Protein backbone atom coordinates (compact mmCIF):
# COMPACT_ATOMS: atom_id res chain seq x y z
CA UNK A 1 174.49 -181.39 -154.17
CA UNK A 2 172.23 -184.50 -154.35
CA UNK A 3 168.49 -183.98 -154.54
CA UNK A 4 166.27 -185.84 -152.12
CA UNK A 5 162.64 -186.83 -151.98
CA UNK A 6 161.84 -186.35 -148.27
CA UNK A 7 159.03 -188.88 -148.57
CA UNK A 8 161.63 -191.56 -149.24
CA UNK A 9 164.51 -190.73 -146.96
CA UNK A 10 165.39 -194.40 -146.47
CA UNK A 11 166.35 -194.71 -150.11
CA UNK A 12 168.66 -191.68 -149.97
CA UNK A 13 170.19 -192.40 -146.57
CA UNK A 14 170.40 -196.20 -146.53
CA UNK A 15 170.14 -197.58 -150.05
CA UNK A 16 172.18 -194.90 -151.84
CA UNK A 17 174.65 -194.68 -148.96
CA UNK A 18 174.48 -190.93 -148.32
CA UNK A 19 173.84 -191.57 -144.63
CA UNK A 20 172.77 -188.83 -142.24
CA UNK A 21 175.94 -186.99 -143.28
CA UNK A 22 174.27 -186.53 -146.67
CA UNK A 23 171.06 -185.31 -145.02
CA UNK A 24 172.97 -182.84 -142.88
CA UNK A 25 174.81 -181.41 -145.86
CA UNK A 26 171.75 -180.59 -147.99
CA UNK A 27 170.79 -177.89 -145.47
CA UNK A 28 167.66 -179.31 -143.87
CA UNK A 29 165.93 -176.74 -141.67
CA UNK A 30 164.06 -179.29 -139.58
CA UNK A 31 164.53 -182.89 -138.55
CA UNK A 32 162.76 -185.45 -140.77
CA UNK A 33 159.99 -187.25 -138.90
CA UNK A 34 161.82 -190.58 -139.22
CA UNK A 35 164.44 -189.27 -136.76
CA UNK A 36 162.14 -187.72 -134.15
CA UNK A 37 162.48 -189.72 -130.95
CA UNK A 38 159.64 -190.38 -128.50
CA UNK A 39 159.72 -187.96 -125.57
CA UNK A 40 160.86 -190.69 -123.17
CA UNK A 41 164.00 -191.29 -125.27
CA UNK A 42 165.21 -187.68 -125.17
CA UNK A 43 167.61 -186.27 -122.59
CA UNK A 44 166.47 -183.06 -120.91
CA UNK A 45 168.02 -180.81 -118.28
CA UNK A 46 165.75 -182.53 -115.75
CA UNK A 47 167.43 -185.88 -116.34
CA UNK A 48 171.09 -184.77 -116.29
CA UNK A 49 173.31 -184.58 -113.19
CA UNK A 50 175.74 -181.68 -113.57
CA UNK A 51 177.86 -182.11 -110.42
CA UNK A 52 179.03 -185.70 -110.87
CA UNK A 53 181.38 -187.53 -113.21
CA UNK A 54 182.78 -190.96 -113.96
CA UNK A 55 186.19 -191.74 -112.37
CA UNK A 56 189.39 -190.54 -114.07
CA UNK A 57 192.26 -192.97 -113.42
CA UNK A 58 195.93 -192.14 -113.98
CA UNK A 59 197.65 -195.37 -115.07
CA UNK A 60 201.18 -193.99 -115.35
CA UNK A 61 203.74 -196.00 -113.34
CA UNK A 62 201.16 -198.77 -113.16
CA UNK A 63 203.71 -201.46 -112.30
CA UNK A 64 204.96 -199.42 -109.33
CA UNK A 65 201.52 -198.62 -107.90
CA UNK A 66 199.81 -201.74 -109.16
CA UNK A 67 197.61 -202.39 -106.13
CA UNK A 68 196.22 -198.86 -105.91
CA UNK A 69 195.49 -198.60 -109.63
CA UNK A 70 193.90 -202.07 -109.69
CA UNK A 71 191.63 -201.11 -106.80
CA UNK A 72 190.54 -197.92 -108.57
CA UNK A 73 189.77 -199.85 -111.78
CA UNK A 74 187.78 -202.56 -109.99
CA UNK A 75 185.90 -200.01 -107.89
CA UNK A 76 184.96 -198.03 -111.01
CA UNK A 77 183.83 -201.24 -112.73
CA UNK A 78 181.53 -202.04 -109.79
CA UNK A 79 180.16 -198.57 -109.02
CA UNK A 80 180.03 -196.92 -112.46
CA UNK A 81 180.79 -199.45 -115.20
CA UNK A 82 182.65 -196.55 -116.86
CA UNK A 83 185.90 -194.67 -116.26
CA UNK A 84 188.47 -192.63 -118.17
CA UNK A 85 192.17 -193.45 -118.25
CA UNK A 86 194.97 -190.93 -118.69
CA UNK A 87 198.74 -191.44 -119.16
CA UNK A 88 198.12 -194.78 -120.88
CA UNK A 89 201.21 -194.61 -123.12
CA UNK A 90 199.30 -194.64 -126.43
CA UNK A 91 200.80 -191.68 -128.24
CA UNK A 92 198.77 -188.62 -129.18
CA UNK A 93 200.05 -189.12 -132.72
CA UNK A 94 198.31 -192.50 -132.96
CA UNK A 95 195.08 -191.07 -131.51
CA UNK A 96 195.06 -188.02 -133.78
CA UNK A 97 195.88 -190.13 -136.84
CA UNK A 98 192.88 -192.41 -136.40
CA UNK A 99 190.61 -189.39 -135.86
CA UNK A 100 191.93 -187.79 -139.05
CA UNK A 101 191.44 -191.07 -140.91
CA UNK A 102 187.83 -191.26 -139.67
CA UNK A 103 187.09 -187.86 -141.23
CA UNK A 104 188.88 -188.96 -144.39
CA UNK A 105 186.68 -192.05 -144.75
CA UNK A 106 183.40 -190.16 -144.24
CA UNK A 107 184.40 -187.34 -146.60
CA UNK A 108 184.41 -189.82 -149.49
CA UNK A 109 181.53 -189.78 -152.00
CA UNK A 110 178.50 -191.89 -151.05
CA UNK A 111 179.17 -194.31 -153.90
CA UNK A 112 182.62 -195.07 -152.44
CA UNK A 113 181.38 -195.61 -148.87
CA UNK A 114 178.41 -197.63 -150.10
CA UNK A 115 180.75 -200.29 -151.50
CA UNK A 116 180.98 -201.48 -147.88
CA UNK A 117 177.24 -201.56 -147.13
CA UNK A 118 175.47 -204.79 -146.17
CA UNK A 119 174.21 -205.19 -149.72
CA UNK A 120 177.54 -204.50 -151.43
CA UNK A 121 180.35 -205.56 -149.09
CA UNK A 122 182.28 -208.69 -150.04
CA UNK A 123 182.51 -209.68 -146.35
CA UNK A 124 180.40 -209.48 -143.20
CA UNK A 125 183.55 -208.32 -141.39
CA UNK A 126 183.42 -204.87 -143.07
CA UNK A 127 180.16 -202.97 -142.78
CA UNK A 128 179.22 -199.36 -143.57
CA UNK A 129 175.82 -198.26 -142.38
CA UNK A 130 173.64 -195.70 -140.67
CA UNK A 131 171.64 -195.66 -137.43
CA UNK A 132 171.77 -199.08 -135.66
CA UNK A 133 169.18 -201.49 -137.05
CA UNK A 134 167.04 -199.32 -139.37
CA UNK A 135 164.51 -202.04 -140.17
CA UNK A 136 163.79 -202.63 -136.45
CA UNK A 137 163.76 -199.02 -135.24
CA UNK A 138 160.69 -196.87 -134.73
CA UNK A 139 162.90 -193.75 -134.81
CA UNK A 140 166.29 -193.69 -136.50
CA UNK A 141 169.56 -192.62 -134.86
CA UNK A 142 171.49 -189.61 -136.19
CA UNK A 143 174.74 -191.49 -136.90
CA UNK A 144 176.75 -193.13 -139.69
CA UNK A 145 179.37 -195.76 -138.99
CA UNK A 146 181.92 -198.17 -140.40
CA UNK A 147 182.38 -201.42 -138.46
CA UNK A 148 185.51 -203.56 -138.91
CA UNK A 149 185.80 -207.03 -137.37
CA UNK A 150 189.46 -207.94 -136.97
CA UNK A 151 190.56 -211.40 -138.16
CA UNK A 152 194.17 -210.82 -139.23
CA UNK A 153 196.44 -208.13 -140.63
CA UNK A 154 196.32 -209.97 -143.96
CA UNK A 155 192.53 -209.83 -144.16
CA UNK A 156 192.51 -206.18 -143.06
CA UNK A 157 195.05 -205.32 -145.77
CA UNK A 158 192.84 -206.98 -148.37
CA UNK A 159 189.38 -205.83 -147.25
CA UNK A 160 189.45 -202.78 -144.96
CA UNK A 161 189.00 -199.41 -146.74
CA UNK A 162 192.39 -197.90 -147.51
CA UNK A 163 191.20 -194.46 -146.31
CA UNK A 164 191.64 -195.58 -142.69
CA UNK A 165 193.01 -199.13 -142.67
CA UNK A 166 196.55 -198.40 -141.46
CA UNK A 167 195.47 -195.91 -138.79
CA UNK A 168 192.74 -198.21 -137.42
CA UNK A 169 195.16 -201.12 -137.21
CA UNK A 170 197.77 -198.97 -135.49
CA UNK A 171 195.25 -197.82 -132.88
CA UNK A 172 194.21 -201.44 -132.26
CA UNK A 173 197.81 -202.65 -131.94
CA UNK A 174 198.72 -199.86 -129.52
CA UNK A 175 195.60 -200.52 -127.44
CA UNK A 176 196.32 -204.22 -126.94
CA UNK A 177 198.67 -203.81 -123.96
CA UNK A 178 196.17 -201.46 -122.30
CA UNK A 179 193.38 -204.00 -122.82
CA UNK A 180 195.46 -206.78 -121.28
CA UNK A 181 196.49 -204.74 -118.25
CA UNK A 182 192.91 -203.62 -117.59
CA UNK A 183 191.64 -207.19 -117.82
CA UNK A 184 194.43 -208.44 -115.55
CA UNK A 185 193.39 -205.88 -112.94
CA UNK A 186 189.70 -206.76 -113.28
CA UNK A 187 190.40 -210.49 -113.03
CA UNK A 188 192.58 -209.93 -109.97
CA UNK A 189 189.62 -208.15 -108.39
CA UNK A 190 187.56 -211.30 -108.96
CA UNK A 191 190.34 -213.56 -107.54
CA UNK A 192 190.72 -215.22 -110.93
CA UNK A 193 194.33 -216.38 -111.21
CA UNK A 194 194.35 -218.18 -114.57
CA UNK A 195 193.32 -215.68 -117.22
CA UNK A 196 192.00 -217.11 -120.49
CA UNK A 197 192.82 -214.40 -123.04
CA UNK A 198 190.81 -216.30 -125.63
CA UNK A 199 187.53 -215.89 -123.75
CA UNK A 200 188.20 -212.37 -122.49
CA UNK A 201 189.63 -210.89 -125.68
CA UNK A 202 189.43 -213.58 -128.34
CA UNK A 203 188.00 -211.19 -130.92
CA UNK A 204 188.05 -207.45 -131.58
CA UNK A 205 185.98 -205.01 -133.56
CA UNK A 206 186.77 -201.37 -134.26
CA UNK A 207 184.07 -198.92 -135.30
CA UNK A 208 184.41 -195.39 -136.59
CA UNK A 209 181.33 -193.27 -135.92
CA UNK A 210 180.26 -189.99 -137.52
CA UNK A 211 177.59 -187.79 -135.95
CA UNK A 212 176.79 -184.87 -138.31
CA UNK A 213 175.32 -181.57 -137.23
CA UNK A 214 171.60 -182.01 -136.60
CA UNK A 215 168.88 -179.40 -137.37
CA UNK A 216 166.83 -180.22 -134.22
CA UNK A 217 169.22 -182.00 -131.85
CA UNK A 218 166.78 -181.82 -128.93
CA UNK A 219 164.41 -184.15 -130.84
CA UNK A 220 167.02 -186.69 -131.97
CA UNK A 221 169.62 -189.07 -130.55
CA UNK A 222 173.06 -189.90 -131.91
CA UNK A 223 172.88 -193.34 -130.30
CA UNK A 224 169.99 -194.68 -128.24
CA UNK A 225 170.15 -196.21 -124.75
CA UNK A 226 172.15 -199.43 -124.70
CA UNK A 227 174.94 -201.35 -123.02
CA UNK A 228 177.72 -202.94 -125.08
CA UNK A 229 177.90 -206.69 -125.68
CA UNK A 230 181.69 -206.66 -125.32
CA UNK A 231 184.00 -207.73 -122.51
CA UNK A 232 185.48 -204.22 -122.50
CA UNK A 233 185.09 -201.21 -124.77
CA UNK A 234 187.89 -198.69 -125.29
CA UNK A 235 186.58 -195.44 -126.73
CA UNK A 236 188.41 -192.53 -128.28
CA UNK A 237 186.15 -189.48 -128.49
CA UNK A 238 186.91 -186.11 -129.99
CA UNK A 239 186.62 -182.76 -128.19
CA UNK A 240 182.92 -182.13 -128.94
CA UNK A 241 181.24 -184.15 -126.18
CA UNK A 242 177.80 -185.76 -126.15
CA UNK A 243 178.36 -189.15 -124.49
CA UNK A 244 176.09 -189.72 -121.48
CA UNK A 245 176.21 -192.55 -118.94
CA UNK A 246 173.29 -193.63 -116.78
CA UNK A 247 174.07 -193.31 -113.09
CA UNK A 248 173.64 -196.65 -111.37
CA UNK A 249 170.35 -197.19 -109.52
CA UNK A 250 168.82 -194.00 -110.91
CA UNK A 251 167.12 -192.58 -113.98
CA UNK A 252 169.65 -189.75 -114.23
CA UNK A 253 172.42 -189.25 -116.79
CA UNK A 254 175.99 -188.01 -116.40
CA UNK A 255 177.98 -186.43 -119.23
CA UNK A 256 181.43 -187.85 -120.04
CA UNK A 257 183.50 -184.74 -120.78
CA UNK A 258 186.22 -185.08 -123.42
CA UNK A 259 189.72 -185.05 -121.93
CA UNK A 260 192.55 -184.49 -124.41
CA UNK A 261 194.48 -187.74 -124.84
CA UNK A 262 192.22 -189.77 -122.52
CA UNK A 263 190.39 -193.00 -123.38
CA UNK A 264 186.95 -193.92 -122.06
CA UNK A 265 186.67 -197.50 -120.79
CA UNK A 266 183.42 -199.30 -120.15
CA UNK A 267 182.44 -202.76 -118.97
CA UNK A 268 180.44 -204.79 -121.49
CA UNK A 269 177.66 -207.34 -120.97
CA UNK A 270 180.06 -210.27 -121.44
CA UNK A 271 182.11 -209.18 -118.41
CA UNK A 272 178.99 -208.47 -116.35
CA UNK A 273 177.90 -212.04 -117.07
CA UNK A 274 181.35 -213.53 -116.35
CA UNK A 275 181.60 -211.60 -113.07
CA UNK A 276 178.09 -212.79 -112.10
CA UNK A 277 176.93 -209.18 -111.96
CA UNK A 278 179.75 -207.76 -109.83
CA UNK A 279 181.08 -205.61 -112.68
CA UNK A 280 178.36 -203.60 -114.37
CA UNK A 281 177.73 -202.88 -118.03
CA UNK A 282 175.88 -199.59 -117.93
CA UNK A 283 173.44 -197.92 -120.28
CA UNK A 284 174.91 -195.07 -122.27
CA UNK A 285 173.81 -192.92 -125.18
CA UNK A 286 175.01 -190.12 -127.43
CA UNK A 287 173.19 -186.84 -127.90
CA UNK A 288 172.89 -185.17 -131.29
CA UNK A 289 174.65 -181.83 -131.73
CA UNK A 290 173.28 -178.75 -133.50
CA UNK A 291 176.59 -176.92 -133.93
CA UNK A 292 179.33 -179.43 -134.70
CA UNK A 293 180.07 -182.70 -136.40
CA UNK A 294 181.34 -185.31 -133.92
CA UNK A 295 183.34 -188.52 -134.33
CA UNK A 296 184.27 -191.39 -132.03
CA UNK A 297 186.33 -194.56 -132.40
CA UNK A 298 185.44 -197.48 -130.11
CA UNK A 299 187.33 -200.78 -129.95
CA UNK A 300 185.14 -203.62 -128.72
CA UNK A 301 187.13 -206.37 -126.99
CA UNK A 302 185.04 -209.54 -127.08
CA UNK A 303 185.01 -213.29 -126.52
CA UNK A 304 185.29 -215.36 -129.69
CA UNK A 305 181.91 -215.96 -131.38
CA UNK A 306 182.30 -219.69 -130.64
CA UNK A 307 182.97 -219.19 -126.90
CA UNK A 308 180.47 -220.16 -124.23
CA UNK A 309 180.20 -217.41 -121.62
CA UNK A 310 178.74 -217.57 -118.13
CA UNK A 311 179.75 -216.76 -114.54
CA UNK A 312 183.38 -217.76 -113.97
CA UNK A 313 183.72 -220.71 -111.58
CA UNK A 314 186.30 -218.84 -109.47
CA UNK A 315 183.80 -216.01 -108.95
CA UNK A 316 181.12 -218.39 -107.71
CA UNK A 317 183.54 -220.32 -105.48
CA UNK A 318 185.01 -217.17 -103.94
CA UNK A 319 181.67 -215.51 -103.26
CA UNK A 320 179.52 -218.57 -102.57
CA UNK A 321 176.87 -217.01 -104.82
CA UNK A 322 174.43 -218.84 -107.02
CA UNK A 323 174.84 -218.02 -110.73
CA UNK A 324 172.61 -215.20 -111.97
CA UNK A 325 173.34 -216.01 -115.61
CA UNK A 326 173.26 -219.18 -117.65
CA UNK A 327 175.95 -220.42 -120.02
CA UNK A 328 175.31 -218.93 -123.48
CA UNK A 329 177.02 -219.17 -126.85
CA UNK A 330 178.50 -215.72 -127.41
CA UNK A 331 177.46 -215.55 -131.08
CA UNK A 332 173.84 -216.22 -130.03
CA UNK A 333 174.02 -213.36 -127.55
CA UNK A 334 175.41 -210.96 -130.17
CA UNK A 335 172.80 -212.00 -132.77
CA UNK A 336 170.05 -211.29 -130.24
CA UNK A 337 171.50 -207.78 -129.66
CA UNK A 338 171.62 -206.90 -133.37
CA UNK A 339 168.12 -208.18 -134.18
CA UNK A 340 166.42 -205.30 -132.40
CA UNK A 341 166.62 -201.58 -131.76
CA UNK A 342 168.66 -200.22 -128.87
CA UNK A 343 166.60 -200.92 -125.75
CA UNK A 344 168.65 -200.14 -122.68
CA UNK A 345 169.74 -203.21 -120.73
CA UNK A 346 167.15 -205.62 -122.12
CA UNK A 347 169.75 -207.71 -123.96
CA UNK A 348 171.36 -209.01 -120.77
CA UNK A 349 168.03 -210.57 -119.76
CA UNK A 350 168.64 -213.02 -122.61
CA UNK A 351 171.36 -214.60 -120.47
CA UNK A 352 169.58 -214.47 -117.10
CA UNK A 353 168.49 -217.63 -115.32
CA UNK A 354 164.73 -217.37 -115.01
């Protein structure tokens, strides 16, 4: 068991690569002050809606009932920004394998995981870390992660950690047809006939997240309030729960209950911008858990870093609306997001026309 000087948690957690998993495993009785969130960032029973939930959409026989399923997807994208899909044809074996591989990666010794930290990784496309942006955060998040930017199978074979490489790639490959069908439906809802796959899904990133048991979960967060910078995010969560979505036009939060075999889909900022605000990227967060370790595996479907994003011309022509957002270089938008702590929906203001 590693020893730790609680006055220098950053060194143990970040620099030595133990992460919050290492903190959790030394048997802390109370949460270190670095992880105590301000009161306004904590979820309480007063801010949670218990009798509402995001839509659950059955996409079996999609080709037969295309119109109905498309309408449900577009409606969920407008009213919630989040929905779950069931009967999506990605096998349970693929989903369980990538969950098992996630545990396998995080069970490795700190020295092994730390080979992929910002300081040690041979590439920016493979990054092991903890919290979100530790140097910019007033209070740290109770989470470790591995982030893998996909370039090619060849690069993944050479650089992705072998503990989960094959399983992560298999999950991404199997998700591709789901991504395309969802985007086709969403574009149809915007009356966009020519779909540019390059802009909508020109790049992909897969993360594996580990949320260890927390000694004072009511004082911490697993992930702070934010919306994703993606076009779409496809999330595989385990059976523990803890993901909360902000209900539109309110300050209340709705839990996203785990459904065996389901995938959680959410609209990202890039698609909100391209739809000129019709589809909504919504704030979400993850609560810490005092009883169980939790994992999740999101795939972020993004424009290419070199793409310029802005309201699609078909959207503006169809609606007669003025653009709400300017044209921005996607890599500039992403850099802006990662320079700061999670801060709700503030990132999208970067693209707004003043």
